[in-house]
C-alpha atoms as a PDB file:
ATOM      1  CA  MET A   1       0.324  49.420  55.107  1.00  0.00           C
ATOM      2  CA  ASP A   2      -2.955  47.321  56.154  1.00  0.00           C
ATOM      3  CA  ASP A   3      -3.916  49.535  58.742  1.00  0.00           C
ATOM      4  CA  ASP A   4      -3.921  52.831  56.043  1.00  0.00           C
ATOM      5  CA  LEU A   5      -6.501  51.297  53.519  1.00  0.00           C
ATOM      6  CA  LYS A   6      -8.620  49.785  56.900  1.00  0.00           C
ATOM      7  CA  PRO A   7     -11.804  52.352  57.166  1.00  0.00           C
ATOM      8  CA  ARG A   8     -11.908  53.907  60.041  1.00  0.00           C
ATOM      9  CA  PRO A   9     -14.755  54.479  62.806  1.00  0.00           C
ATOM     10  CA  LYS A  10     -16.156  56.878  62.681  1.00  0.00           C
ATOM     11  CA  PRO A  11     -17.423  59.424  65.712  1.00  0.00           C
ATOM     12  CA  PRO A  12     -20.742  59.104  66.900  1.00  0.00           C
ATOM     13  CA  VAL A  13     -22.944  61.022  65.159  1.00  0.00           C
ATOM     14  CA  HIS A  14     -26.162  62.713  66.882  1.00  0.00           C
ATOM     15  CA  VAL A  15     -29.408  64.073  66.291  1.00  0.00           C
ATOM     16  CA  VAL A  16     -31.797  66.319  68.402  1.00  0.00           C
ATOM     17  CA  GLY A  17     -34.725  64.294  69.106  1.00  0.00           C
ATOM     18  CA  GLN A  18     -33.569  60.584  67.822  1.00  0.00           C
ATOM     19  CA  ASP A  19     -34.932  57.553  69.320  1.00  0.00           C
ATOM     20  CA  LEU A  20     -32.426  56.899  72.022  1.00  0.00           C
ATOM     21  CA  SER A  21     -33.569  53.474  72.632  1.00  0.00           C
ATOM     22  CA  THR A  22     -32.021  51.599  70.796  1.00  0.00           C
ATOM     23  CA  LEU A  23     -28.515  52.886  72.219  1.00  0.00           C
ATOM     24  CA  SER A  24     -26.119  50.974  74.563  1.00  0.00           C
ATOM     25  CA  VAL A  25     -25.328  52.940  77.999  1.00  0.00           C
ATOM     26  CA  HIS A  26     -21.526  53.290  75.982  1.00  0.00           C
ATOM     27  CA  GLU A  27     -22.486  54.505  73.011  1.00  0.00           C
ATOM     28  CA  LEU A  28     -25.033  56.929  75.109  1.00  0.00           C
ATOM     29  CA  LYS A  29     -21.674  58.080  77.089  1.00  0.00           C
ATOM     30  CA  GLU A  30     -19.657  58.109  73.455  1.00  0.00           C
ATOM     31  CA  ARG A  31     -22.807  60.714  72.801  1.00  0.00           C
ATOM     32  CA  VAL A  32     -22.279  63.058  75.901  1.00  0.00           C
ATOM     33  CA  GLN A  33     -18.481  63.114  75.564  1.00  0.00           C
ATOM     34  CA  VAL A  34     -18.535  64.360  72.195  1.00  0.00           C
ATOM     35  CA  LEU A  35     -21.045  66.520  72.868  1.00  0.00           C
ATOM     36  CA  LYS A  36     -19.240  68.278  75.930  1.00  0.00           C
ATOM     37  CA  ASP A  37     -15.963  68.356  74.200  1.00  0.00           C
ATOM     38  CA  GLU A  38     -18.542  70.129  71.441  1.00  0.00           C
ATOM     39  CA  ILE A  39     -19.261  72.942  73.481  1.00  0.00           C
ATOM     40  CA  ALA A  40     -16.004  72.987  75.024  1.00  0.00           C
ATOM     41  CA  ARG A  41     -14.895  74.210  71.528  1.00  0.00           C
ATOM     42  CA  LEU A  42     -17.983  76.429  70.982  1.00  0.00           C
ATOM     43  CA  GLU A  43     -17.543  78.000  74.242  1.00  0.00           C
ATOM     44  CA  ALA A  44     -13.795  78.642  73.317  1.00  0.00           C
ATOM     45  CA  ASP A  45     -14.519  80.032  70.318  1.00  0.00           C
ATOM     46  CA  MET A  46     -16.834  82.474  71.168  1.00  0.00           C
ATOM     47  CA  ALA A  47     -14.386  83.605  73.962  1.00  0.00           C
ATOM     48  CA  ALA A  48     -12.179  84.369  71.363  1.00  0.00           C
ATOM     49  CA  LYS A  49     -14.238  86.528  69.591  1.00  0.00           C
ATOM     50  CA  GLN A  50     -15.592  88.615  72.736  1.00  0.00           C
ATOM     51  CA  SER A  51     -11.718  89.174  73.221  1.00  0.00           C
ATOM     52  CA  SER A  52     -11.577  90.407  69.676  1.00  0.00           C
ATOM     53  CA  ARG A  53     -14.735  92.528  69.842  1.00  0.00           C
ATOM     54  CA  SER A  54     -13.832  94.271  72.586  1.00  0.00           C
ATOM     55  CA  ALA A  55     -10.198  94.598  71.433  1.00  0.00           C
ATOM     56  CA  ALA A  56     -11.707  96.128  68.720  1.00  0.00           C
ATOM     57  CA  GLU A  57     -14.945  98.395  70.613  1.00  0.00           C
ATOM     58  CA  SER A  58     -11.808 100.112  72.897  1.00  0.00           C
ATOM     59  CA  VAL A  59      -9.722 100.887  69.412  1.00  0.00           C
ATOM     60  CA  PHE A  60     -13.188 102.371  68.309  1.00  0.00           C
ATOM     61  CA  ARG A  61     -13.638 104.057  70.999  1.00  0.00           C
ATOM     62  CA  LEU A  62     -10.658 106.543  71.413  1.00  0.00           C
END
């Protein structure tokens, strides 16, 4: 029950152009992974939207 009261660690927040000199190699690796995961999420969403658009276009071409 006490675990529910502990603050959860926040995922690293990355700001484009941010000074990276204060971050450790481990922190940099974490941020790279977060950004890679976000890119994959964005690409999956784009693919889904392109698929939906293509399906809609094929219906309206008839």
